[in-house]
PDB file of N, CA and C in Angstrom:
ATOM      1  N   MET A   1      61.709   3.986  16.886  1.00  0.00           N
ATOM      2  CA  MET A   1      61.304   5.386  17.104  1.00  0.00           C
ATOM      3  C   MET A   1      59.828   5.586  16.863  1.00  0.00           C
ATOM      4  N   SER A   2      59.185   6.247  17.662  1.00  0.00           N
ATOM      5  CA  SER A   2      57.669   6.466  17.468  1.00  0.00           C
ATOM      6  C   SER A   2      57.641   7.993  17.092  1.00  0.00           C
ATOM      7  N   ASP A   3      56.311   8.195  16.425  1.00  0.00           N
ATOM      8  CA  ASP A   3      56.084   9.505  15.898  1.00  0.00           C
ATOM      9  C   ASP A   3      55.681  10.335  17.126  1.00  0.00           C
ATOM     10  N   ARG A   4      56.692  11.290  17.119  1.00  0.00           N
ATOM     11  CA  ARG A   4      56.672  12.141  18.362  1.00  0.00           C
ATOM     12  C   ARG A   4      56.270  13.563  18.093  1.00  0.00           C
ATOM     13  N   TRP A   5      55.963  13.986  16.862  1.00  0.00           N
ATOM     14  CA  TRP A   5      55.850  15.176  16.170  1.00  0.00           C
ATOM     15  C   TRP A   5      54.581  15.234  15.377  1.00  0.00           C
ATOM     16  N   GLN A   6      54.023  16.361  15.373  1.00  0.00           N
ATOM     17  CA  GLN A   6      52.727  16.606  14.779  1.00  0.00           C
ATOM     18  C   GLN A   6      52.525  17.841  13.804  1.00  0.00           C
ATOM     19  N   SER A   7      52.536  17.580  12.693  1.00  0.00           N
ATOM     20  CA  SER A   7      52.293  18.705  11.732  1.00  0.00           C
ATOM     21  C   SER A   7      50.502  18.986  11.645  1.00  0.00           C
ATOM     22  N   ASN A   8      50.266  20.269  11.953  1.00  0.00           N
ATOM     23  CA  ASN A   8      48.900  20.829  11.999  1.00  0.00           C
ATOM     24  C   ASN A   8      48.508  21.788  11.050  1.00  0.00           C
ATOM     25  N   VAL A   9      47.469  21.631  10.350  1.00  0.00           N
ATOM     26  CA  VAL A   9      47.034  22.688   9.453  1.00  0.00           C
ATOM     27  C   VAL A   9      45.572  23.007   9.403  1.00  0.00           C
ATOM     28  N   GLN A  10      45.377  24.235   9.452  1.00  0.00           N
ATOM     29  CA  GLN A  10      43.980  24.712   9.499  1.00  0.00           C
ATOM     30  C   GLN A  10      43.570  25.315   7.953  1.00  0.00           C
ATOM     31  N   TRP A  11      42.558  24.613   7.624  1.00  0.00           N
ATOM     32  CA  TRP A  11      41.920  24.829   6.366  1.00  0.00           C
ATOM     33  C   TRP A  11      40.601  25.595   6.473  1.00  0.00           C
ATOM     34  N   ASP A  12      40.385  26.412   5.280  1.00  0.00           N
ATOM     35  CA  ASP A  12      39.072  27.157   5.202  1.00  0.00           C
ATOM     36  C   ASP A  12      38.020  25.876   5.191  1.00  0.00           C
ATOM     37  N   ILE A  13      36.870  25.937   6.167  1.00  0.00           N
ATOM     38  CA  ILE A  13      36.111  24.831   6.206  1.00  0.00           C
ATOM     39  C   ILE A  13      35.189  24.833   5.090  1.00  0.00           C
ATOM     40  N   LYS A  14      35.256  25.568   4.333  1.00  0.00           N
ATOM     41  CA  LYS A  14      34.625  25.493   2.736  1.00  0.00           C
ATOM     42  C   LYS A  14      35.225  24.329   2.066  1.00  0.00           C
ATOM     43  N   HIS A  15      36.463  24.155   2.291  1.00  0.00           N
ATOM     44  CA  HIS A  15      37.179  23.126   1.547  1.00  0.00           C
ATOM     45  C   HIS A  15      37.196  21.891   2.368  1.00  0.00           C
ATOM     46  N   TYR A  16      37.628  21.984   3.687  1.00  0.00           N
ATOM     47  CA  TYR A  16      37.869  20.584   4.423  1.00  0.00           C
ATOM     48  C   TYR A  16      37.190  20.919   5.900  1.00  0.00           C
ATOM     49  N   LEU A  17      36.099  20.456   6.208  1.00  0.00           N
ATOM     50  CA  LEU A  17      35.683  20.675   7.478  1.00  0.00           C
ATOM     51  C   LEU A  17      36.409  19.958   8.795  1.00  0.00           C
ATOM     52  N   GLY A  18      37.218  18.702   8.260  1.00  0.00           N
ATOM     53  CA  GLY A  18      37.945  18.073   9.361  1.00  0.00           C
ATOM     54  C   GLY A  18      37.072  17.440  10.274  1.00  0.00           C
ATOM     55  N   ARG A  19      37.762  16.561  11.164  1.00  0.00           N
ATOM     56  CA  ARG A  19      36.906  15.503  12.197  1.00  0.00           C
ATOM     57  C   ARG A  19      36.031  16.156  13.204  1.00  0.00           C
ATOM     58  N   TYR A  20      36.446  17.412  13.543  1.00  0.00           N
ATOM     59  CA  TYR A  20      35.749  18.164  14.654  1.00  0.00           C
ATOM     60  C   TYR A  20      35.005  19.592  14.137  1.00  0.00           C
ATOM     61  N   GLY A  21      34.878  19.463  12.903  1.00  0.00           N
ATOM     62  CA  GLY A  21      34.404  20.858  12.324  1.00  0.00           C
ATOM     63  C   GLY A  21      35.134  21.882  12.432  1.00  0.00           C
ATOM     64  N   ASP A  22      36.379  22.009  12.764  1.00  0.00           N
ATOM     65  CA  ASP A  22      37.154  22.981  12.975  1.00  0.00           C
ATOM     66  C   ASP A  22      38.115  23.394  11.580  1.00  0.00           C
ATOM     67  N   GLY A  23      38.079  22.445  10.669  1.00  0.00           N
ATOM     68  CA  GLY A  23      38.868  22.755   9.455  1.00  0.00           C
ATOM     69  C   GLY A  23      40.339  22.311   9.651  1.00  0.00           C
ATOM     70  N   VAL A  24      40.711  21.558  10.827  1.00  0.00           N
ATOM     71  CA  VAL A  24      42.084  21.311  11.142  1.00  0.00           C
ATOM     72  C   VAL A  24      42.375  19.967  10.867  1.00  0.00           C
ATOM     73  N   SER A  25      43.512  19.547   9.873  1.00  0.00           N
ATOM     74  CA  SER A  25      44.057  18.283   9.768  1.00  0.00           C
ATOM     75  C   SER A  25      45.519  17.890  10.452  1.00  0.00           C
ATOM     76  N   THR A  26      45.730  16.790  10.879  1.00  0.00           N
ATOM     77  CA  THR A  26      46.848  16.430  11.655  1.00  0.00           C
ATOM     78  C   THR A  26      47.524  15.324  10.995  1.00  0.00           C
ATOM     79  N   ASP A  27      48.918  14.923  11.330  1.00  0.00           N
ATOM     80  CA  ASP A  27      49.607  13.777  10.834  1.00  0.00           C
ATOM     81  C   ASP A  27      50.691  13.911  11.799  1.00  0.00           C
ATOM     82  N   THR A  28      51.169  12.733  12.136  1.00  0.00           N
ATOM     83  CA  THR A  28      52.336  12.668  13.048  1.00  0.00           C
ATOM     84  C   THR A  28      53.628  12.054  12.236  1.00  0.00           C
ATOM     85  N   HIS A  29      54.762  12.386  12.830  1.00  0.00           N
ATOM     86  CA  HIS A  29      55.980  12.245  12.119  1.00  0.00           C
ATOM     87  C   HIS A  29      57.147  11.961  13.235  1.00  0.00           C
ATOM     88  N   ARG A  30      58.262  11.308  12.843  1.00  0.00           N
ATOM     89  CA  ARG A  30      59.160  10.852  13.547  1.00  0.00           C
ATOM     90  C   ARG A  30      60.063  12.053  14.138  1.00  0.00           C
ATOM     91  N   THR A  31      60.174  13.181  13.247  1.00  0.00           N
ATOM     92  CA  THR A  31      61.219  14.365  13.629  1.00  0.00           C
ATOM     93  C   THR A  31      60.230  15.530  13.426  1.00  0.00           C
ATOM     94  N   GLU A  32      60.930  16.492  14.250  1.00  0.00           N
ATOM     95  CA  GLU A  32      60.148  17.924  14.041  1.00  0.00           C
ATOM     96  C   GLU A  32      60.480  18.373  12.753  1.00  0.00           C
ATOM     97  N   GLU A  33      61.555  18.119  12.130  1.00  0.00           N
ATOM     98  CA  GLU A  33      61.831  18.580  10.790  1.00  0.00           C
ATOM     99  C   GLU A  33      60.998  18.181   9.944  1.00  0.00           C
ATOM    100  N   GLY A  34      60.643  16.658  10.033  1.00  0.00           N
ATOM    101  CA  GLY A  34      59.704  15.996   9.044  1.00  0.00           C
ATOM    102  C   GLY A  34      58.327  16.553   9.041  1.00  0.00           C
ATOM    103  N   ALA A  35      57.897  17.143  10.368  1.00  0.00           N
ATOM    104  CA  ALA A  35      56.663  17.631  10.447  1.00  0.00           C
ATOM    105  C   ALA A  35      56.602  19.077   9.848  1.00  0.00           C
ATOM    106  N   ALA A  36      57.614  19.819   9.970  1.00  0.00           N
ATOM    107  CA  ALA A  36      57.795  21.276   9.487  1.00  0.00           C
ATOM    108  C   ALA A  36      57.870  21.210   7.946  1.00  0.00           C
ATOM    109  N   ASN A  37      58.453  20.221   7.331  1.00  0.00           N
ATOM    110  CA  ASN A  37      58.764  20.197   5.876  1.00  0.00           C
ATOM    111  C   ASN A  37      57.285  19.635   5.266  1.00  0.00           C
ATOM    112  N   VAL A  38      56.426  19.101   5.971  1.00  0.00           N
ATOM    113  CA  VAL A  38      55.041  18.758   5.423  1.00  0.00           C
ATOM    114  C   VAL A  38      54.083  20.181   5.454  1.00  0.00           C
ATOM    115  N   CYS A  39      54.255  20.953   6.502  1.00  0.00           N
ATOM    116  CA  CYS A  39      53.832  22.163   6.640  1.00  0.00           C
ATOM    117  C   CYS A  39      54.121  23.238   5.645  1.00  0.00           C
ATOM    118  N   ALA A  40      55.639  23.192   5.402  1.00  0.00           N
ATOM    119  CA  ALA A  40      56.076  23.883   4.236  1.00  0.00           C
ATOM    120  C   ALA A  40      55.315  23.658   2.801  1.00  0.00           C
ATOM    121  N   ALA A  41      55.488  22.354   2.718  1.00  0.00           N
ATOM    122  CA  ALA A  41      55.030  21.817   1.341  1.00  0.00           C
ATOM    123  C   ALA A  41      53.464  22.084   1.075  1.00  0.00           C
ATOM    124  N   LEU A  42      52.713  22.086   2.186  1.00  0.00           N
ATOM    125  CA  LEU A  42      51.066  22.541   1.903  1.00  0.00           C
ATOM    126  C   LEU A  42      51.284  23.867   1.853  1.00  0.00           C
ATOM    127  N   VAL A  43      51.989  24.888   2.500  1.00  0.00           N
ATOM    128  CA  VAL A  43      51.901  26.346   2.387  1.00  0.00           C
ATOM    129  C   VAL A  43      52.271  26.511   1.046  1.00  0.00           C
ATOM    130  N   GLY A  44      53.258  25.873   0.336  1.00  0.00           N
ATOM    131  CA  GLY A  44      53.777  26.169  -0.864  1.00  0.00           C
ATOM    132  C   GLY A  44      52.847  25.565  -2.194  1.00  0.00           C
ATOM    133  N   GLU A  45      52.512  24.365  -1.914  1.00  0.00           N
ATOM    134  CA  GLU A  45      51.905  23.921  -3.001  1.00  0.00           C
ATOM    135  C   GLU A  45      50.273  23.742  -2.804  1.00  0.00           C
ATOM    136  N   GLY A  46      49.825  23.688  -1.370  1.00  0.00           N
ATOM    137  CA  GLY A  46      48.285  23.756  -1.397  1.00  0.00           C
ATOM    138  C   GLY A  46      48.041  22.391  -1.138  1.00  0.00           C
ATOM    139  N   PHE A  47      46.551  22.077  -0.759  1.00  0.00           N
ATOM    140  CA  PHE A  47      46.005  20.894  -0.593  1.00  0.00           C
ATOM    141  C   PHE A  47      46.140  20.011  -1.633  1.00  0.00           C
ATOM    142  N   GLY A  48      46.612  18.550  -1.430  1.00  0.00           N
ATOM    143  CA  GLY A  48      46.920  17.674  -2.512  1.00  0.00           C
ATOM    144  C   GLY A  48      47.900  18.120  -3.475  1.00  0.00           C
ATOM    145  N   CYS A  49      48.679  19.072  -3.233  1.00  0.00           N
ATOM    146  CA  CYS A  49      49.905  19.637  -4.206  1.00  0.00           C
ATOM    147  C   CYS A  49      49.196  20.140  -5.568  1.00  0.00           C
ATOM    148  N   MET A  50      47.896  20.412  -5.378  1.00  0.00           N
ATOM    149  CA  MET A  50      47.140  21.013  -6.625  1.00  0.00           C
ATOM    150  C   MET A  50      47.130  22.470  -6.837  1.00  0.00           C
ATOM    151  N   GLY A  51      47.700  23.374  -5.698  1.00  0.00           N
ATOM    152  CA  GLY A  51      47.996  24.635  -6.099  1.00  0.00           C
ATOM    153  C   GLY A  51      46.519  25.359  -5.988  1.00  0.00           C
ATOM    154  N   GLU A  52      45.539  24.695  -5.389  1.00  0.00           N
ATOM    155  CA  GLU A  52      44.204  25.687  -5.329  1.00  0.00           C
ATOM    156  C   GLU A  52      43.857  25.908  -3.925  1.00  0.00           C
ATOM    157  N   HIS A  53      43.905  25.004  -2.989  1.00  0.00           N
ATOM    158  CA  HIS A  53      43.510  25.421  -1.774  1.00  0.00           C
ATOM    159  C   HIS A  53      44.649  25.401  -0.735  1.00  0.00           C
ATOM    160  N   PHE A  54      44.671  26.656  -0.125  1.00  0.00           N
ATOM    161  CA  PHE A  54      46.012  26.915   0.692  1.00  0.00           C
ATOM    162  C   PHE A  54      45.642  26.842   2.244  1.00  0.00           C
ATOM    163  N   PRO A  55      46.430  26.447   3.430  1.00  0.00           N
ATOM    164  CA  PRO A  55      45.987  26.407   4.335  1.00  0.00           C
ATOM    165  C   PRO A  55      46.088  28.155   5.073  1.00  0.00           C
ATOM    166  N   ILE A  56      45.266  28.110   6.117  1.00  0.00           N
ATOM    167  CA  ILE A  56      45.091  29.401   6.745  1.00  0.00           C
ATOM    168  C   ILE A  56      46.274  29.460   7.776  1.00  0.00           C
ATOM    169  N   GLN A  57      46.624  28.550   8.177  1.00  0.00           N
ATOM    170  CA  GLN A  57      47.840  28.515   8.891  1.00  0.00           C
ATOM    171  C   GLN A  57      48.406  27.075   9.193  1.00  0.00           C
ATOM    172  N   VAL A  58      49.506  27.008   9.540  1.00  0.00           N
ATOM    173  CA  VAL A  58      50.255  25.586   9.760  1.00  0.00           C
ATOM    174  C   VAL A  58      51.103  25.876  11.186  1.00  0.00           C
ATOM    175  N   TRP A  59      51.156  24.769  11.918  1.00  0.00           N
ATOM    176  CA  TRP A  59      52.157  24.808  13.125  1.00  0.00           C
ATOM    177  C   TRP A  59      52.617  23.297  13.296  1.00  0.00           C
ATOM    178  N   VAL A  60      53.415  23.149  14.199  1.00  0.00           N
ATOM    179  CA  VAL A  60      54.045  21.784  14.521  1.00  0.00           C
ATOM    180  C   VAL A  60      53.989  21.742  16.016  1.00  0.00           C
ATOM    181  N   THR A  61      53.463  20.739  16.644  1.00  0.00           N
ATOM    182  CA  THR A  61      53.515  20.458  17.946  1.00  0.00           C
ATOM    183  C   THR A  61      53.970  19.077  18.323  1.00  0.00           C
ATOM    184  N   GLU A  62      54.356  18.937  19.537  1.00  0.00           N
ATOM    185  CA  GLU A  62      55.007  17.671  19.957  1.00  0.00           C
ATOM    186  C   GLU A  62      53.602  16.774  20.406  1.00  0.00           C
ATOM    187  N   VAL A  63      53.509  15.493  20.016  1.00  0.00           N
ATOM    188  CA  VAL A  63      52.474  14.721  20.360  1.00  0.00           C
ATOM    189  C   VAL A  63      52.137  14.459  21.563  1.00  0.00           C
ATOM    190  N   GLY A  64      50.787  14.751  22.112  1.00  0.00           N
ATOM    191  CA  GLY A  64      50.364  15.084  23.423  1.00  0.00           C
ATOM    192  C   GLY A  64      50.548  15.883  24.333  1.00  0.00           C
ATOM    193  N   GLU A  65      51.394  16.766  23.785  1.00  0.00           N
ATOM    194  CA  GLU A  65      51.528  18.275  24.588  1.00  0.00           C
ATOM    195  C   GLU A  65      50.321  19.121  24.462  1.00  0.00           C
ATOM    196  N   PRO A  66      50.378  20.105  25.147  1.00  0.00           N
ATOM    197  CA  PRO A  66      48.894  21.143  25.037  1.00  0.00           C
ATOM    198  C   PRO A  66      49.377  21.817  23.734  1.00  0.00           C
ATOM    199  N   ASP A  67      48.389  22.412  23.179  1.00  0.00           N
ATOM    200  CA  ASP A  67      48.204  22.827  21.847  1.00  0.00           C
ATOM    201  C   ASP A  67      47.136  24.118  21.970  1.00  0.00           C
ATOM    202  N   PRO A  68      47.829  25.319  22.394  1.00  0.00           N
ATOM    203  CA  PRO A  68      47.086  26.540  22.724  1.00  0.00           C
ATOM    204  C   PRO A  68      46.510  27.097  21.218  1.00  0.00           C
ATOM    205  N   THR A  69      47.177  26.771  20.064  1.00  0.00           N
ATOM    206  CA  THR A  69      46.583  27.184  18.676  1.00  0.00           C
ATOM    207  C   THR A  69      45.328  26.299  18.537  1.00  0.00           C
ATOM    208  N   LEU A  70      45.285  25.197  18.611  1.00  0.00           N
ATOM    209  CA  LEU A  70      44.198  24.381  18.423  1.00  0.00           C
ATOM    210  C   LEU A  70      42.967  24.739  19.408  1.00  0.00           C
ATOM    211  N   ASP A  71      43.241  24.985  20.439  1.00  0.00           N
ATOM    212  CA  ASP A  71      42.308  25.445  21.568  1.00  0.00           C
ATOM    213  C   ASP A  71      41.662  26.649  21.048  1.00  0.00           C
ATOM    214  N   ALA A  72      42.473  27.765  20.674  1.00  0.00           N
ATOM    215  CA  ALA A  72      41.830  28.934  20.158  1.00  0.00           C
ATOM    216  C   ALA A  72      41.081  28.703  18.811  1.00  0.00           C
ATOM    217  N   ILE A  73      41.456  27.759  18.140  1.00  0.00           N
ATOM    218  CA  ILE A  73      40.643  27.468  16.814  1.00  0.00           C
ATOM    219  C   ILE A  73      39.282  27.050  17.392  1.00  0.00           C
ATOM    220  N   ARG A  74      39.317  26.021  18.101  1.00  0.00           N
ATOM    221  CA  ARG A  74      37.922  25.433  18.519  1.00  0.00           C
ATOM    222  C   ARG A  74      36.917  26.368  19.346  1.00  0.00           C
ATOM    223  N   LEU A  75      37.832  27.336  20.052  1.00  0.00           N
ATOM    224  CA  LEU A  75      36.985  28.025  20.731  1.00  0.00           C
ATOM    225  C   LEU A  75      36.290  29.135  19.896  1.00  0.00           C
ATOM    226  N   ALA A  76      36.956  29.623  19.010  1.00  0.00           N
ATOM    227  CA  ALA A  76      36.460  30.382  17.965  1.00  0.00           C
ATOM    228  C   ALA A  76      35.540  29.903  17.123  1.00  0.00           C
ATOM    229  N   ARG A  77      35.506  28.413  16.868  1.00  0.00           N
ATOM    230  CA  ARG A  77      34.328  27.763  16.160  1.00  0.00           C
ATOM    231  C   ARG A  77      33.252  27.655  17.064  1.00  0.00           C
ATOM    232  N   ASP A  78      33.277  27.381  18.458  1.00  0.00           N
ATOM    233  CA  ASP A  78      32.261  27.301  19.348  1.00  0.00           C
ATOM    234  C   ASP A  78      31.678  28.575  19.489  1.00  0.00           C
ATOM    235  N   VAL A  79      32.335  29.754  19.383  1.00  0.00           N
ATOM    236  CA  VAL A  79      31.690  31.022  19.514  1.00  0.00           C
ATOM    237  C   VAL A  79      30.812  31.347  18.371  1.00  0.00           C
ATOM    238  N   ARG A  80      31.533  30.775  17.148  1.00  0.00           N
ATOM    239  CA  ARG A  80      30.656  31.154  16.055  1.00  0.00           C
ATOM    240  C   ARG A  80      29.420  30.365  15.911  1.00  0.00           C
ATOM    241  N   LEU A  81      29.604  29.157  16.170  1.00  0.00           N
ATOM    242  CA  LEU A  81      28.163  28.231  16.296  1.00  0.00           C
ATOM    243  C   LEU A  81      27.004  28.896  17.185  1.00  0.00           C
ATOM    244  N   ALA A  82      27.489  29.377  18.394  1.00  0.00           N
ATOM    245  CA  ALA A  82      26.820  29.780  19.268  1.00  0.00           C
ATOM    246  C   ALA A  82      26.039  30.923  18.682  1.00  0.00           C
ATOM    247  N   GLN A  83      26.866  31.938  18.007  1.00  0.00           N
ATOM    248  CA  GLN A  83      26.387  33.192  17.417  1.00  0.00           C
ATOM    249  C   GLN A  83      25.335  32.817  16.214  1.00  0.00           C
ATOM    250  N   GLU A  84      25.524  31.699  15.432  1.00  0.00           N
ATOM    251  CA  GLU A  84      24.548  31.518  14.575  1.00  0.00           C
ATOM    252  C   GLU A  84      23.291  30.944  15.037  1.00  0.00           C
ATOM    253  N   GLU A  85      23.506  30.030  16.016  1.00  0.00           N
ATOM    254  CA  GLU A  85      22.146  29.452  16.924  1.00  0.00           C
ATOM    255  C   GLU A  85      21.430  30.585  17.454  1.00  0.00           C
ATOM    256  N   THR A  86      22.066  31.625  18.143  1.00  0.00           N
ATOM    257  CA  THR A  86      21.267  32.897  18.492  1.00  0.00           C
ATOM    258  C   THR A  86      20.565  33.534  17.432  1.00  0.00           C
ATOM    259  N   GLU A  87      21.391  34.034  16.403  1.00  0.00           N
ATOM    260  CA  GLU A  87      20.635  34.551  15.134  1.00  0.00           C
ATOM    261  C   GLU A  87      19.361  33.694  14.708  1.00  0.00           C
ATOM    262  N   ARG A  88      19.861  32.626  14.787  1.00  0.00           N
ATOM    263  CA  ARG A  88      18.605  31.729  14.016  1.00  0.00           C
ATOM    264  C   ARG A  88      17.430  31.835  15.030  1.00  0.00           C
ATOM    265  N   LEU A  89      17.783  31.556  16.353  1.00  0.00           N
ATOM    266  CA  LEU A  89      16.452  31.513  17.290  1.00  0.00           C
ATOM    267  C   LEU A  89      15.858  32.988  17.257  1.00  0.00           C
ATOM    268  N   GLN A  90      16.421  34.101  17.374  1.00  0.00           N
ATOM    269  CA  GLN A  90      16.132  35.492  17.152  1.00  0.00           C
ATOM    270  C   GLN A  90      15.168  35.685  15.907  1.00  0.00           C
ATOM    271  N   LYS A  91      15.857  35.252  14.722  1.00  0.00           N
ATOM    272  CA  LYS A  91      15.000  35.285  13.522  1.00  0.00           C
ATOM    273  C   LYS A  91      13.709  34.574  13.663  1.00  0.00           C
ATOM    274  N   ASP A  92      13.711  33.358  13.895  1.00  0.00           N
ATOM    275  CA  ASP A  92      12.416  32.672  13.887  1.00  0.00           C
ATOM    276  C   ASP A  92      11.677  32.982  15.168  1.00  0.00           C
ATOM    277  N   ARG A  93      12.064  33.752  16.241  1.00  0.00           N
ATOM    278  CA  ARG A  93      11.521  34.083  17.323  1.00  0.00           C
ATOM    279  C   ARG A  93      11.003  32.885  18.156  1.00  0.00           C
ATOM    280  N   ILE A  94      11.823  31.840  18.010  1.00  0.00           N
ATOM    281  CA  ILE A  94      11.496  30.501  18.916  1.00  0.00           C
ATOM    282  C   ILE A  94      11.730  30.928  20.377  1.00  0.00           C
ATOM    283  N   VAL A  95      12.559  31.562  20.802  1.00  0.00           N
ATOM    284  CA  VAL A  95      13.022  31.830  22.198  1.00  0.00           C
ATOM    285  C   VAL A  95      13.167  33.421  22.307  1.00  0.00           C
ATOM    286  N   PRO A  96      12.573  34.067  23.412  1.00  0.00           N
ATOM    287  CA  PRO A  96      12.582  35.370  23.869  1.00  0.00           C
ATOM    288  C   PRO A  96      13.882  35.830  24.081  1.00  0.00           C
ATOM    289  N   ASP A  97      14.226  37.108  23.714  1.00  0.00           N
ATOM    290  CA  ASP A  97      15.577  37.532  24.123  1.00  0.00           C
ATOM    291  C   ASP A  97      16.225  37.223  25.469  1.00  0.00           C
ATOM    292  N   GLU A  98      15.505  37.213  26.591  1.00  0.00           N
ATOM    293  CA  GLU A  98      15.810  37.045  28.002  1.00  0.00           C
ATOM    294  C   GLU A  98      16.399  35.535  28.227  1.00  0.00           C
ATOM    295  N   VAL A  99      15.697  34.432  27.435  1.00  0.00           N
ATOM    296  CA  VAL A  99      15.887  33.192  27.441  1.00  0.00           C
ATOM    297  C   VAL A  99      17.328  33.110  26.913  1.00  0.00           C
ATOM    298  N   LEU A 100      17.563  33.617  25.523  1.00  0.00           N
ATOM    299  CA  LEU A 100      18.758  33.530  25.085  1.00  0.00           C
ATOM    300  C   LEU A 100      19.935  33.979  25.715  1.00  0.00           C
ATOM    301  N   LYS A 101      19.832  35.378  26.238  1.00  0.00           N
ATOM    302  CA  LYS A 101      20.657  35.726  27.333  1.00  0.00           C
ATOM    303  C   LYS A 101      20.952  34.928  28.245  1.00  0.00           C
ATOM    304  N   GLU A 102      20.152  34.195  28.761  1.00  0.00           N
ATOM    305  CA  GLU A 102      20.573  33.374  29.754  1.00  0.00           C
ATOM    306  C   GLU A 102      21.197  32.049  29.309  1.00  0.00           C
ATOM    307  N   ARG A 103      20.667  31.483  28.273  1.00  0.00           N
ATOM    308  CA  ARG A 103      21.104  30.383  27.825  1.00  0.00           C
ATOM    309  C   ARG A 103      22.617  30.387  27.361  1.00  0.00           C
ATOM    310  N   PHE A 104      22.936  31.645  26.627  1.00  0.00           N
ATOM    311  CA  PHE A 104      24.141  31.689  25.955  1.00  0.00           C
ATOM    312  C   PHE A 104      25.268  32.729  26.794  1.00  0.00           C
ATOM    313  N   ASP A 105      24.793  32.941  28.215  1.00  0.00           N
ATOM    314  CA  ASP A 105      25.504  33.808  29.019  1.00  0.00           C
ATOM    315  C   ASP A 105      25.957  35.022  28.413  1.00  0.00           C
ATOM    316  N   ILE A 106      25.057  35.789  27.603  1.00  0.00           N
ATOM    317  CA  ILE A 106      25.521  37.040  27.150  1.00  0.00           C
ATOM    318  C   ILE A 106      24.608  38.217  27.770  1.00  0.00           C
TER     319      ILE A 106
END
């Protein structure tokens, strides 16, 4: 039997940046129940069962299926990064406001 289910956990990026800079960690499991148990343990005991850093949210998905939660997290990350870049460019006055509006479609 292959691993068909995935536990997904979003952490505060101050504590875990993740592979894609979104603070999300994943693991695969043979059963949906196994994935849900991992999520429940992390909610109850925190990262590494140390009771210090707890997930923002947890969810279970089927491996290979669309994941709207992850899509939303990554979209929010992209918006945040674009806002930070816009603020940096405006602060440094590297690029005029008109160019920023066109570049970031705002």
